[in-house]
Amino acid sequence: MARPLPQTVLFDLDGTLVDNFEAIHRCYDDVMSMMGLPSVTLEQIRRAVGGSVNVTVVKLAGEANAPTATRLFREHFPSVMYHGLRVYPGCRELLEALRARGVRTAVYTNKDDANSKKIMEHLGLDDLFDGIYGTNAHPWRKPQAEFTHFVLGSMRADAATTVMVGDSPFDIATARNGKLAAIHCVTTGSHTAEELAPHAPDTVHPGLTELGREAFGLA
């Protein structure tokens, strides 16, 4: 049975609303080449992302190389970030349906704040959100509760009537740490339903269309 509609829905970006993995892979692979390090596969990127650039570079390039790799990634990514970029099926329809019913929506991501805004504008989705919140503009990253509290405060939203939609354990931990009403996951991004299950999300769905129907009762 579908839950009552929340007042606010916070959406993760990569792997949840959009597929930006080709660009992220290209950028990391370029950075590794610049630094004389082994190339990385698209699957490695899918498994490594989610905790912001600072976390991912340690997994891919190692602790000692992380500061340089982080700098190079941030410098290079804007030049490749639209490569292969696509919106997941049902994204626009879900956002429009929620907003038509008075639900407020926001992007809440560990992607760079400025790049997140540019990507949403490039895709023509920026007008469907009440806010877009990413990293580097603020001192936090998901799953820190302080970041969630900042987002809720900026939107004048209540945790008890706000849910998170994401694709990874980072998003589940974010919802739990921020004491949000629920966390709904999709398997379009970095984790399968079996991998998400131990983290106990409220619901798991193969895509946004199914999530809208099953979690929010939207046709």
N, C-alpha and C. Protein backbone atom coordinates (compact mmCIF):
# COMPACT_ATOMS: atom_id res chain seq x y z
N MET A 1 0.85 -1.19 0.00
CA MET A 1 0.00 0.00 0.00
C MET A 1 0.89 1.25 0.00
N ALA A 2 0.53 2.22 -0.82
CA ALA A 2 1.32 3.45 -0.92
C ALA A 2 1.21 4.26 0.36
N ARG A 3 2.31 4.88 0.71
CA ARG A 3 2.33 5.75 1.88
C ARG A 3 1.68 7.09 1.54
N PRO A 4 1.20 7.82 2.54
CA PRO A 4 0.71 9.19 2.26
C PRO A 4 1.85 10.03 1.70
N LEU A 5 1.52 10.97 0.85
CA LEU A 5 2.55 11.80 0.25
C LEU A 5 3.26 12.62 1.32
N PRO A 6 4.58 12.67 1.27
CA PRO A 6 5.33 13.54 2.18
C PRO A 6 5.18 14.99 1.77
N GLN A 7 5.60 15.89 2.62
CA GLN A 7 5.58 17.31 2.26
C GLN A 7 6.81 17.70 1.44
N THR A 8 7.92 16.99 1.66
CA THR A 8 9.18 17.29 0.99
C THR A 8 9.87 16.00 0.58
N VAL A 9 10.45 15.99 -0.62
CA VAL A 9 11.25 14.85 -1.06
C VAL A 9 12.64 15.36 -1.47
N LEU A 10 13.67 14.77 -0.89
CA LEU A 10 15.06 15.09 -1.22
C LEU A 10 15.59 13.98 -2.12
N PHE A 11 16.10 14.35 -3.29
CA PHE A 11 16.60 13.38 -4.26
C PHE A 11 18.12 13.43 -4.36
N ASP A 12 18.75 12.28 -4.22
CA ASP A 12 20.14 12.16 -4.63
C ASP A 12 20.20 12.41 -6.14
N LEU A 13 21.39 12.69 -6.66
CA LEU A 13 21.50 13.03 -8.08
C LEU A 13 22.03 11.87 -8.92
N ASP A 14 23.35 11.61 -8.85
CA ASP A 14 23.95 10.56 -9.67
C ASP A 14 23.42 9.18 -9.28
N GLY A 15 22.94 8.44 -10.27
CA GLY A 15 22.44 7.10 -10.01
C GLY A 15 20.99 7.07 -9.56
N THR A 16 20.43 8.24 -9.28
CA THR A 16 19.05 8.32 -8.82
C THR A 16 18.18 9.06 -9.84
N LEU A 17 18.54 10.30 -10.13
CA LEU A 17 17.81 11.08 -11.12
C LEU A 17 18.47 11.03 -12.50
N VAL A 18 19.80 11.06 -12.50
CA VAL A 18 20.52 11.10 -13.77
C VAL A 18 21.65 10.07 -13.79
N ASP A 19 22.02 9.67 -15.00
CA ASP A 19 23.18 8.81 -15.23
C ASP A 19 24.30 9.70 -15.74
N ASN A 20 25.26 9.98 -14.87
CA ASN A 20 26.41 10.80 -15.22
C ASN A 20 27.70 9.99 -15.13
N PHE A 21 27.53 8.66 -15.07
CA PHE A 21 28.67 7.80 -14.82
C PHE A 21 29.70 7.81 -15.95
N GLU A 22 29.26 7.98 -17.20
CA GLU A 22 30.23 8.01 -18.30
C GLU A 22 31.17 9.19 -18.17
N ALA A 23 30.62 10.34 -17.81
CA ALA A 23 31.46 11.53 -17.64
C ALA A 23 32.38 11.39 -16.43
N ILE A 24 31.84 10.86 -15.34
CA ILE A 24 32.65 10.67 -14.14
C ILE A 24 33.79 9.69 -14.44
N HIS A 25 33.47 8.61 -15.16
CA HIS A 25 34.50 7.63 -15.52
C HIS A 25 35.57 8.27 -16.41
N ARG A 26 35.12 9.01 -17.40
CA ARG A 26 36.07 9.66 -18.32
C ARG A 26 36.99 10.61 -17.55
N CYS A 27 36.42 11.36 -16.61
CA CYS A 27 37.22 12.33 -15.87
C CYS A 27 38.24 11.63 -14.97
N TYR A 28 37.80 10.61 -14.23
CA TYR A 28 38.73 9.89 -13.36
C TYR A 28 39.81 9.18 -14.18
N ASP A 29 39.41 8.59 -15.31
CA ASP A 29 40.39 7.90 -16.15
C ASP A 29 41.43 8.88 -16.69
N ASP A 30 40.98 10.07 -17.08
CA ASP A 30 41.91 11.11 -17.54
C ASP A 30 42.86 11.52 -16.42
N VAL A 31 42.31 11.68 -15.23
CA VAL A 31 43.14 12.08 -14.07
C VAL A 31 44.18 11.01 -13.76
N MET A 32 43.75 9.75 -13.78
CA MET A 32 44.70 8.67 -13.50
C MET A 32 45.82 8.66 -14.55
N SER A 33 45.46 8.92 -15.80
CA SER A 33 46.46 8.98 -16.86
C SER A 33 47.43 10.13 -16.64
N MET A 34 46.89 11.30 -16.27
CA MET A 34 47.73 12.47 -15.99
C MET A 34 48.75 12.18 -14.90
N MET A 35 48.35 11.34 -13.94
CA MET A 35 49.21 11.05 -12.78
C MET A 35 50.04 9.79 -12.97
N GLY A 36 49.92 9.15 -14.15
CA GLY A 36 50.69 7.94 -14.40
C GLY A 36 50.22 6.75 -13.61
N LEU A 37 48.93 6.73 -13.27
CA LEU A 37 48.35 5.65 -12.48
C LEU A 37 47.52 4.74 -13.39
N PRO A 38 47.23 3.50 -12.96
CA PRO A 38 46.46 2.58 -13.79
C PRO A 38 45.08 3.13 -14.13
N SER A 39 44.59 2.83 -15.33
CA SER A 39 43.26 3.27 -15.74
C SER A 39 42.20 2.58 -14.90
N VAL A 40 41.01 3.16 -14.88
CA VAL A 40 39.90 2.60 -14.10
C VAL A 40 38.75 2.26 -15.04
N THR A 41 37.98 1.26 -14.67
CA THR A 41 36.85 0.85 -15.49
C THR A 41 35.58 1.57 -15.05
N LEU A 42 34.58 1.54 -15.92
CA LEU A 42 33.29 2.13 -15.58
C LEU A 42 32.69 1.44 -14.37
N GLU A 43 32.85 0.14 -14.27
CA GLU A 43 32.30 -0.60 -13.12
C GLU A 43 33.00 -0.18 -11.83
N GLN A 44 34.31 0.04 -11.87
CA GLN A 44 35.01 0.53 -10.68
C GLN A 44 34.45 1.87 -10.23
N ILE A 45 34.14 2.72 -11.19
CA ILE A 45 33.59 4.03 -10.86
C ILE A 45 32.22 3.88 -10.21
N ARG A 46 31.37 3.03 -10.79
CA ARG A 46 30.04 2.81 -10.21
C ARG A 46 30.14 2.35 -8.75
N ARG A 47 31.14 1.53 -8.47
CA ARG A 47 31.28 0.98 -7.12
C ARG A 47 31.89 1.99 -6.15
N ALA A 48 32.62 2.96 -6.68
CA ALA A 48 33.41 3.84 -5.81
C ALA A 48 32.72 5.15 -5.46
N VAL A 49 31.80 5.61 -6.32
CA VAL A 49 31.23 6.94 -6.10
C VAL A 49 30.16 6.93 -5.01
N GLY A 50 29.79 8.14 -4.58
CA GLY A 50 28.72 8.29 -3.60
C GLY A 50 29.10 9.11 -2.40
N GLY A 51 30.38 9.07 -2.05
CA GLY A 51 30.80 9.77 -0.85
C GLY A 51 31.51 11.07 -1.10
N SER A 52 31.40 11.62 -2.29
CA SER A 52 32.04 12.85 -2.76
C SER A 52 33.42 12.53 -3.34
N VAL A 53 33.96 13.47 -4.08
CA VAL A 53 35.25 13.28 -4.74
C VAL A 53 36.33 12.92 -3.73
N ASN A 54 36.32 13.57 -2.57
CA ASN A 54 37.34 13.34 -1.55
C ASN A 54 37.43 11.87 -1.16
N VAL A 55 36.28 11.21 -1.07
CA VAL A 55 36.24 9.80 -0.69
C VAL A 55 36.61 8.90 -1.85
N THR A 56 36.10 9.21 -3.05
CA THR A 56 36.32 8.36 -4.21
C THR A 56 37.78 8.31 -4.63
N VAL A 57 38.48 9.44 -4.60
CA VAL A 57 39.87 9.44 -5.07
C VAL A 57 40.76 8.57 -4.19
N VAL A 58 40.45 8.47 -2.92
CA VAL A 58 41.24 7.60 -2.04
C VAL A 58 41.09 6.15 -2.48
N LYS A 59 39.87 5.75 -2.84
CA LYS A 59 39.62 4.38 -3.29
C LYS A 59 40.34 4.09 -4.60
N LEU A 60 40.40 5.08 -5.48
CA LEU A 60 40.95 4.85 -6.82
C LEU A 60 42.44 5.15 -6.93
N ALA A 61 42.89 6.21 -6.28
CA ALA A 61 44.28 6.66 -6.46
C ALA A 61 45.15 6.45 -5.23
N GLY A 62 44.53 6.11 -4.09
CA GLY A 62 45.30 5.92 -2.87
C GLY A 62 45.41 7.19 -2.05
N GLU A 63 45.64 7.02 -0.77
CA GLU A 63 45.68 8.15 0.17
C GLU A 63 46.74 9.18 -0.21
N ALA A 64 47.93 8.72 -0.59
CA ALA A 64 49.03 9.64 -0.89
C ALA A 64 48.75 10.50 -2.11
N ASN A 65 48.03 9.93 -3.08
CA ASN A 65 47.74 10.66 -4.33
C ASN A 65 46.44 11.46 -4.27
N ALA A 66 45.69 11.29 -3.20
CA ALA A 66 44.34 11.86 -3.14
C ALA A 66 44.30 13.39 -3.30
N PRO A 67 45.16 14.15 -2.61
CA PRO A 67 45.06 15.62 -2.77
C PRO A 67 45.24 16.08 -4.21
N THR A 68 46.24 15.52 -4.91
CA THR A 68 46.48 15.91 -6.30
C THR A 68 45.34 15.43 -7.20
N ALA A 69 44.90 14.20 -6.99
CA ALA A 69 43.81 13.66 -7.81
C ALA A 69 42.53 14.45 -7.62
N THR A 70 42.24 14.85 -6.40
CA THR A 70 41.04 15.65 -6.12
C THR A 70 41.10 16.98 -6.87
N ARG A 71 42.25 17.64 -6.79
CA ARG A 71 42.40 18.93 -7.48
C ARG A 71 42.24 18.76 -8.98
N LEU A 72 42.88 17.76 -9.55
CA LEU A 72 42.80 17.54 -10.99
C LEU A 72 41.39 17.19 -11.42
N PHE A 73 40.70 16.36 -10.64
CA PHE A 73 39.33 16.00 -10.99
C PHE A 73 38.45 17.24 -11.02
N ARG A 74 38.54 18.07 -10.01
CA ARG A 74 37.68 19.26 -9.95
C ARG A 74 37.99 20.24 -11.07
N GLU A 75 39.24 20.31 -11.46
CA GLU A 75 39.62 21.21 -12.57
C GLU A 75 39.12 20.66 -13.91
N HIS A 76 39.15 19.35 -14.06
CA HIS A 76 38.87 18.73 -15.36
C HIS A 76 37.39 18.42 -15.58
N PHE A 77 36.66 18.12 -14.52
CA PHE A 77 35.29 17.62 -14.68
C PHE A 77 34.37 18.57 -15.45
N PRO A 78 34.40 19.88 -15.21
CA PRO A 78 33.49 20.76 -15.96
C PRO A 78 33.62 20.64 -17.48
N SER A 79 34.77 20.24 -17.97
CA SER A 79 34.98 20.14 -19.43
C SER A 79 34.40 18.85 -20.01
N VAL A 80 34.07 17.88 -19.16
CA VAL A 80 33.55 16.60 -19.67
C VAL A 80 32.21 16.21 -19.05
N MET A 81 31.63 17.05 -18.19
CA MET A 81 30.52 16.59 -17.36
C MET A 81 29.22 16.32 -18.11
N TYR A 82 29.09 16.78 -19.35
CA TYR A 82 27.89 16.47 -20.11
C TYR A 82 28.06 15.23 -20.99
N HIS A 83 29.24 14.63 -20.96
CA HIS A 83 29.51 13.45 -21.79
C HIS A 83 28.63 12.27 -21.35
N GLY A 84 27.77 11.81 -22.24
CA GLY A 84 26.92 10.66 -21.94
C GLY A 84 25.83 10.93 -20.92
N LEU A 85 25.64 12.17 -20.54
CA LEU A 85 24.65 12.50 -19.51
C LEU A 85 23.23 12.20 -19.98
N ARG A 86 22.46 11.54 -19.14
CA ARG A 86 21.06 11.28 -19.48
C ARG A 86 20.21 11.23 -18.22
N VAL A 87 18.94 11.51 -18.40
CA VAL A 87 17.97 11.44 -17.31
C VAL A 87 17.38 10.04 -17.28
N TYR A 88 17.19 9.49 -16.09
CA TYR A 88 16.58 8.16 -16.00
C TYR A 88 15.09 8.22 -16.37
N PRO A 89 14.58 7.15 -16.96
CA PRO A 89 13.16 7.11 -17.33
C PRO A 89 12.26 7.41 -16.14
N GLY A 90 11.24 8.25 -16.39
CA GLY A 90 10.27 8.58 -15.36
C GLY A 90 10.66 9.74 -14.47
N CYS A 91 11.86 10.30 -14.67
CA CYS A 91 12.35 11.37 -13.79
C CYS A 91 11.45 12.60 -13.86
N ARG A 92 11.31 13.16 -15.04
CA ARG A 92 10.51 14.38 -15.18
C ARG A 92 9.06 14.14 -14.76
N GLU A 93 8.51 13.00 -15.16
CA GLU A 93 7.12 12.70 -14.83
C GLU A 93 6.91 12.62 -13.33
N LEU A 94 7.85 12.00 -12.63
CA LEU A 94 7.74 11.90 -11.17
C LEU A 94 7.82 13.27 -10.52
N LEU A 95 8.77 14.08 -10.94
CA LEU A 95 8.93 15.42 -10.37
C LEU A 95 7.69 16.28 -10.62
N GLU A 96 7.18 16.22 -11.83
CA GLU A 96 5.99 17.02 -12.16
C GLU A 96 4.78 16.55 -11.36
N ALA A 97 4.65 15.24 -11.19
CA ALA A 97 3.51 14.70 -10.44
C ALA A 97 3.57 15.09 -8.98
N LEU A 98 4.76 15.05 -8.39
CA LEU A 98 4.91 15.44 -6.98
C LEU A 98 4.59 16.92 -6.80
N ARG A 99 5.14 17.75 -7.66
CA ARG A 99 4.93 19.19 -7.53
C ARG A 99 3.48 19.56 -7.79
N ALA A 100 2.81 18.84 -8.69
CA ALA A 100 1.39 19.10 -8.97
C ALA A 100 0.53 18.82 -7.74
N ARG A 101 1.05 17.99 -6.85
CA ARG A 101 0.32 17.66 -5.62
C ARG A 101 0.82 18.44 -4.42
N GLY A 102 1.62 19.46 -4.68
CA GLY A 102 2.06 20.35 -3.61
C GLY A 102 3.26 19.87 -2.82
N VAL A 103 3.94 18.81 -3.32
CA VAL A 103 5.13 18.30 -2.64
C VAL A 103 6.34 19.12 -3.08
N ARG A 104 7.13 19.55 -2.12
CA ARG A 104 8.35 20.30 -2.42
C ARG A 104 9.49 19.32 -2.68
N THR A 105 10.37 19.67 -3.62
CA THR A 105 11.45 18.76 -4.01
C THR A 105 12.79 19.49 -4.04
N ALA A 106 13.85 18.72 -3.78
CA ALA A 106 15.20 19.28 -3.85
C ALA A 106 16.18 18.20 -4.27
N VAL A 107 17.25 18.62 -4.92
CA VAL A 107 18.39 17.75 -5.18
C VAL A 107 19.31 17.87 -3.97
N TYR A 108 19.72 16.71 -3.45
CA TYR A 108 20.59 16.68 -2.27
C TYR A 108 21.69 15.67 -2.56
N THR A 109 22.88 16.16 -2.87
CA THR A 109 23.92 15.33 -3.47
C THR A 109 25.30 15.62 -2.91
N ASN A 110 26.19 14.64 -3.05
CA ASN A 110 27.60 14.86 -2.74
C ASN A 110 28.39 15.32 -3.95
N LYS A 111 27.69 15.56 -5.04
CA LYS A 111 28.33 16.16 -6.21
C LYS A 111 28.58 17.65 -5.93
N ASP A 112 29.58 18.20 -6.58
CA ASP A 112 29.87 19.62 -6.43
C ASP A 112 28.62 20.47 -6.66
N ASP A 113 28.39 21.43 -5.80
CA ASP A 113 27.18 22.25 -5.83
C ASP A 113 27.01 22.98 -7.16
N ALA A 114 28.06 23.65 -7.62
CA ALA A 114 27.96 24.42 -8.86
C ALA A 114 27.72 23.51 -10.06
N ASN A 115 28.42 22.37 -10.11
CA ASN A 115 28.23 21.44 -11.22
C ASN A 115 26.84 20.83 -11.21
N SER A 116 26.31 20.57 -10.03
CA SER A 116 24.95 20.00 -9.91
C SER A 116 23.93 20.97 -10.49
N LYS A 117 24.07 22.23 -10.17
CA LYS A 117 23.15 23.25 -10.69
C LYS A 117 23.26 23.36 -12.21
N LYS A 118 24.49 23.30 -12.73
CA LYS A 118 24.70 23.40 -14.18
C LYS A 118 24.08 22.20 -14.90
N ILE A 119 24.22 21.01 -14.31
CA ILE A 119 23.68 19.81 -14.94
C ILE A 119 22.15 19.87 -14.96
N MET A 120 21.54 20.29 -13.87
CA MET A 120 20.08 20.39 -13.84
C MET A 120 19.58 21.42 -14.85
N GLU A 121 20.31 22.53 -14.97
CA GLU A 121 19.92 23.55 -15.95
C GLU A 121 20.11 23.02 -17.37
N HIS A 122 21.21 22.32 -17.61
CA HIS A 122 21.50 21.76 -18.93
C HIS A 122 20.40 20.78 -19.36
N LEU A 123 19.87 20.02 -18.41
CA LEU A 123 18.83 19.04 -18.69
C LEU A 123 17.42 19.64 -18.68
N GLY A 124 17.32 20.90 -18.31
CA GLY A 124 16.02 21.55 -18.26
C GLY A 124 15.16 21.09 -17.10
N LEU A 125 15.81 20.67 -16.01
CA LEU A 125 15.08 20.17 -14.84
C LEU A 125 15.14 21.12 -13.65
N ASP A 126 15.92 22.18 -13.76
CA ASP A 126 16.14 23.06 -12.61
C ASP A 126 14.86 23.71 -12.11
N ASP A 127 13.89 23.92 -13.00
CA ASP A 127 12.65 24.58 -12.58
C ASP A 127 11.72 23.64 -11.82
N LEU A 128 12.10 22.37 -11.70
CA LEU A 128 11.25 21.40 -11.00
C LEU A 128 11.71 21.18 -9.56
N PHE A 129 12.67 21.98 -9.10
CA PHE A 129 13.18 21.84 -7.74
C PHE A 129 13.08 23.15 -6.97
N ASP A 130 12.81 23.01 -5.68
CA ASP A 130 12.80 24.17 -4.79
C ASP A 130 14.19 24.50 -4.30
N GLY A 131 15.13 23.58 -4.48
CA GLY A 131 16.50 23.82 -4.07
C GLY A 131 17.42 22.75 -4.64
N ILE A 132 18.70 23.10 -4.84
CA ILE A 132 19.72 22.16 -5.27
C ILE A 132 20.90 22.34 -4.33
N TYR A 133 21.26 21.26 -3.61
CA TYR A 133 22.28 21.34 -2.57
C TYR A 133 23.37 20.31 -2.82
N GLY A 134 24.59 20.81 -3.05
CA GLY A 134 25.72 19.93 -3.27
C GLY A 134 26.88 20.29 -2.36
N THR A 135 28.02 19.67 -2.60
CA THR A 135 29.19 19.89 -1.75
C THR A 135 30.04 21.06 -2.24
N ASN A 136 31.01 21.41 -1.41
CA ASN A 136 31.98 22.50 -1.63
C ASN A 136 31.40 23.88 -1.36
N ALA A 137 30.09 24.05 -1.47
CA ALA A 137 29.48 25.32 -1.09
C ALA A 137 29.22 25.35 0.41
N HIS A 138 29.30 24.18 1.04
CA HIS A 138 29.04 24.03 2.47
C HIS A 138 30.11 23.13 3.07
N PRO A 139 30.32 23.16 4.38
CA PRO A 139 31.41 22.38 4.99
C PRO A 139 31.09 20.92 5.23
N TRP A 140 29.96 20.43 4.72
CA TRP A 140 29.56 19.06 5.03
C TRP A 140 29.37 18.24 3.76
N ARG A 141 29.21 16.93 3.96
CA ARG A 141 28.79 16.04 2.89
C ARG A 141 27.91 14.96 3.50
N LYS A 142 27.07 14.36 2.69
CA LYS A 142 26.26 13.23 3.15
C LYS A 142 27.20 12.10 3.58
N PRO A 143 26.89 11.39 4.66
CA PRO A 143 25.62 11.35 5.41
C PRO A 143 25.62 12.19 6.69
N GLN A 144 26.43 13.25 6.75
CA GLN A 144 26.49 14.06 7.97
C GLN A 144 25.13 14.71 8.25
N ALA A 145 24.68 14.56 9.50
CA ALA A 145 23.38 15.11 9.89
C ALA A 145 23.36 16.63 9.74
N GLU A 146 24.51 17.27 9.93
CA GLU A 146 24.57 18.73 9.82
C GLU A 146 24.18 19.20 8.43
N PHE A 147 24.57 18.43 7.42
CA PHE A 147 24.22 18.80 6.04
C PHE A 147 22.71 18.69 5.85
N THR A 148 22.12 17.61 6.35
CA THR A 148 20.68 17.43 6.24
C THR A 148 19.93 18.53 6.99
N HIS A 149 20.40 18.87 8.17
CA HIS A 149 19.75 19.93 8.95
C HIS A 149 19.82 21.26 8.21
N PHE A 150 20.96 21.50 7.54
CA PHE A 150 21.09 22.74 6.76
C PHE A 150 20.08 22.76 5.62
N VAL A 151 19.96 21.65 4.91
CA VAL A 151 19.02 21.58 3.78
C VAL A 151 17.59 21.78 4.27
N LEU A 152 17.22 21.08 5.34
CA LEU A 152 15.87 21.21 5.88
C LEU A 152 15.60 22.64 6.33
N GLY A 153 16.59 23.25 6.98
CA GLY A 153 16.42 24.63 7.44
C GLY A 153 16.26 25.59 6.28
N SER A 154 17.05 25.40 5.22
CA SER A 154 16.96 26.27 4.05
C SER A 154 15.60 26.16 3.37
N MET A 155 15.02 24.97 3.42
CA MET A 155 13.74 24.75 2.76
C MET A 155 12.55 24.95 3.71
N ARG A 156 12.85 25.25 4.97
CA ARG A 156 11.82 25.35 6.01
C ARG A 156 10.97 24.08 6.03
N ALA A 157 11.68 22.96 5.99
CA ALA A 157 11.03 21.65 5.97
C ALA A 157 11.23 20.94 7.30
N ASP A 158 10.34 20.02 7.59
CA ASP A 158 10.37 19.24 8.83
C ASP A 158 10.84 17.83 8.51
N ALA A 159 11.81 17.34 9.27
CA ALA A 159 12.33 15.99 9.04
C ALA A 159 11.22 14.95 9.10
N ALA A 160 10.24 15.17 9.95
CA ALA A 160 9.16 14.19 10.15
C ALA A 160 8.25 14.06 8.94
N THR A 161 8.29 15.04 8.03
CA THR A 161 7.45 14.98 6.82
C THR A 161 8.29 15.02 5.55
N THR A 162 9.58 14.65 5.70
CA THR A 162 10.51 14.66 4.56
C THR A 162 11.06 13.26 4.32
N VAL A 163 11.13 12.86 3.06
CA VAL A 163 11.73 11.57 2.73
C VAL A 163 12.90 11.77 1.78
N MET A 164 13.79 10.78 1.76
CA MET A 164 14.96 10.79 0.89
C MET A 164 14.78 9.72 -0.18
N VAL A 165 15.20 10.04 -1.39
CA VAL A 165 15.24 9.06 -2.47
C VAL A 165 16.68 8.97 -2.95
N GLY A 166 17.25 7.75 -2.96
CA GLY A 166 18.64 7.59 -3.36
C GLY A 166 18.92 6.22 -3.91
N ASP A 167 20.21 5.94 -4.12
CA ASP A 167 20.59 4.66 -4.72
C ASP A 167 21.70 3.94 -3.97
N SER A 168 22.11 4.45 -2.82
CA SER A 168 23.27 3.87 -2.16
C SER A 168 23.14 3.87 -0.64
N PRO A 169 24.01 3.12 0.04
CA PRO A 169 24.03 3.15 1.51
C PRO A 169 24.30 4.54 2.06
N PHE A 170 25.01 5.40 1.29
CA PHE A 170 25.23 6.78 1.74
C PHE A 170 23.89 7.49 1.92
N ASP A 171 22.96 7.25 0.99
CA ASP A 171 21.65 7.91 1.07
C ASP A 171 20.82 7.35 2.23
N ILE A 172 20.94 6.05 2.47
CA ILE A 172 20.22 5.44 3.58
C ILE A 172 20.74 6.00 4.90
N ALA A 173 22.06 6.08 5.03
CA ALA A 173 22.65 6.64 6.25
C ALA A 173 22.29 8.10 6.42
N THR A 174 22.21 8.82 5.31
CA THR A 174 21.82 10.23 5.36
C THR A 174 20.43 10.39 5.94
N ALA A 175 19.49 9.58 5.46
CA ALA A 175 18.11 9.65 5.96
C ALA A 175 18.04 9.27 7.44
N ARG A 176 18.77 8.24 7.81
CA ARG A 176 18.75 7.80 9.21
C ARG A 176 19.39 8.84 10.13
N ASN A 177 20.56 9.35 9.73
CA ASN A 177 21.25 10.34 10.57
C ASN A 177 20.44 11.62 10.72
N GLY A 178 19.73 11.98 9.65
CA GLY A 178 18.91 13.19 9.68
C GLY A 178 17.52 12.98 10.22
N LYS A 179 17.23 11.72 10.62
CA LYS A 179 15.92 11.36 11.19
C LYS A 179 14.76 11.72 10.26
N LEU A 180 14.98 11.45 8.96
CA LEU A 180 13.92 11.69 7.98
C LEU A 180 12.84 10.62 8.11
N ALA A 181 11.68 10.92 7.57
CA ALA A 181 10.53 10.02 7.73
C ALA A 181 10.73 8.69 7.03
N ALA A 182 11.45 8.67 5.90
CA ALA A 182 11.64 7.43 5.16
C ALA A 182 12.79 7.58 4.17
N ILE A 183 13.31 6.44 3.72
CA ILE A 183 14.31 6.41 2.66
C ILE A 183 13.86 5.38 1.62
N HIS A 184 13.63 5.85 0.39
CA HIS A 184 13.24 5.00 -0.73
C HIS A 184 14.42 4.91 -1.69
N CYS A 185 14.73 3.70 -2.13
CA CYS A 185 15.90 3.51 -2.99
C CYS A 185 15.51 2.99 -4.37
N VAL A 186 16.33 3.33 -5.36
CA VAL A 186 16.22 2.78 -6.71
C VAL A 186 17.52 2.04 -7.01
N THR A 187 17.44 1.07 -7.92
CA THR A 187 18.62 0.26 -8.25
C THR A 187 19.21 0.65 -9.61
N THR A 188 18.96 1.88 -10.02
CA THR A 188 19.49 2.37 -11.30
C THR A 188 20.95 2.80 -11.20
N GLY A 189 21.46 2.94 -9.98
CA GLY A 189 22.79 3.51 -9.80
C GLY A 189 23.86 2.51 -9.44
N SER A 190 24.36 2.61 -8.22
CA SER A 190 25.58 1.89 -7.84
C SER A 190 25.35 0.59 -7.08
N HIS A 191 24.11 0.30 -6.65
CA HIS A 191 23.88 -0.88 -5.82
C HIS A 191 22.63 -1.64 -6.25
N THR A 192 22.69 -2.95 -6.10
CA THR A 192 21.55 -3.80 -6.39
C THR A 192 20.63 -3.85 -5.17
N ALA A 193 19.44 -4.40 -5.37
CA ALA A 193 18.50 -4.56 -4.25
C ALA A 193 19.11 -5.43 -3.16
N GLU A 194 19.84 -6.46 -3.56
CA GLU A 194 20.46 -7.37 -2.59
C GLU A 194 21.54 -6.66 -1.79
N GLU A 195 22.26 -5.75 -2.42
CA GLU A 195 23.31 -5.01 -1.72
C GLU A 195 22.74 -3.94 -0.80
N LEU A 196 21.57 -3.42 -1.16
CA LEU A 196 20.94 -2.38 -0.33
C LEU A 196 20.21 -2.99 0.88
N ALA A 197 19.74 -4.22 0.73
CA ALA A 197 18.89 -4.84 1.75
C ALA A 197 19.49 -4.82 3.16
N PRO A 198 20.78 -5.12 3.37
CA PRO A 198 21.32 -5.11 4.73
C PRO A 198 21.26 -3.75 5.41
N HIS A 199 21.13 -2.68 4.62
CA HIS A 199 21.07 -1.32 5.17
C HIS A 199 19.64 -0.90 5.49
N ALA A 200 18.69 -1.77 5.20
CA ALA A 200 17.28 -1.62 5.60
C ALA A 200 16.61 -0.33 5.12
N PRO A 201 16.63 -0.06 3.81
CA PRO A 201 15.81 1.06 3.31
C PRO A 201 14.33 0.72 3.48
N ASP A 202 13.48 1.72 3.47
CA ASP A 202 12.05 1.47 3.61
C ASP A 202 11.48 0.75 2.40
N THR A 203 11.90 1.16 1.21
CA THR A 203 11.48 0.48 -0.01
C THR A 203 12.62 0.50 -1.02
N VAL A 204 12.58 -0.46 -1.95
CA VAL A 204 13.56 -0.52 -3.04
C VAL A 204 12.79 -0.77 -4.34
N HIS A 205 13.18 -0.04 -5.41
CA HIS A 205 12.45 -0.10 -6.67
C HIS A 205 13.43 -0.15 -7.84
N PRO A 206 13.04 -0.78 -8.95
CA PRO A 206 13.94 -0.86 -10.10
C PRO A 206 14.14 0.47 -10.82
N GLY A 207 13.25 1.43 -10.62
CA GLY A 207 13.39 2.73 -11.28
C GLY A 207 12.44 3.75 -10.69
N LEU A 208 12.49 4.95 -11.24
CA LEU A 208 11.69 6.06 -10.72
C LEU A 208 10.20 5.90 -11.00
N THR A 209 9.87 5.31 -12.11
CA THR A 209 8.45 5.10 -12.43
C THR A 209 7.81 4.18 -11.40
N GLU A 210 8.51 3.08 -11.11
CA GLU A 210 8.01 2.14 -10.11
C GLU A 210 7.98 2.77 -8.72
N LEU A 211 8.99 3.55 -8.40
CA LEU A 211 9.01 4.23 -7.10
C LEU A 211 7.82 5.15 -6.96
N GLY A 212 7.53 5.93 -7.98
CA GLY A 212 6.40 6.85 -7.92
C GLY A 212 5.10 6.13 -7.69
N ARG A 213 4.95 5.01 -8.38
CA ARG A 213 3.70 4.23 -8.25
C ARG A 213 3.61 3.52 -6.91
N GLU A 214 4.69 2.84 -6.51
CA GLU A 214 4.65 1.97 -5.35
C GLU A 214 4.85 2.68 -4.02
N ALA A 215 5.71 3.70 -3.99
CA ALA A 215 5.99 4.40 -2.73
C ALA A 215 5.10 5.61 -2.53
N PHE A 216 4.72 6.28 -3.65
CA PHE A 216 3.94 7.51 -3.53
C PHE A 216 2.53 7.40 -4.08
N GLY A 217 2.19 6.26 -4.67
CA GLY A 217 0.84 6.07 -5.18
C GLY A 217 0.51 6.93 -6.38
N LEU A 218 1.53 7.26 -7.20
CA LEU A 218 1.32 8.10 -8.38
C LEU A 218 1.17 7.24 -9.62
N ALA A 219 0.21 7.55 -10.42
CA ALA A 219 -0.02 6.78 -11.66
C ALA A 219 1.12 7.05 -12.63
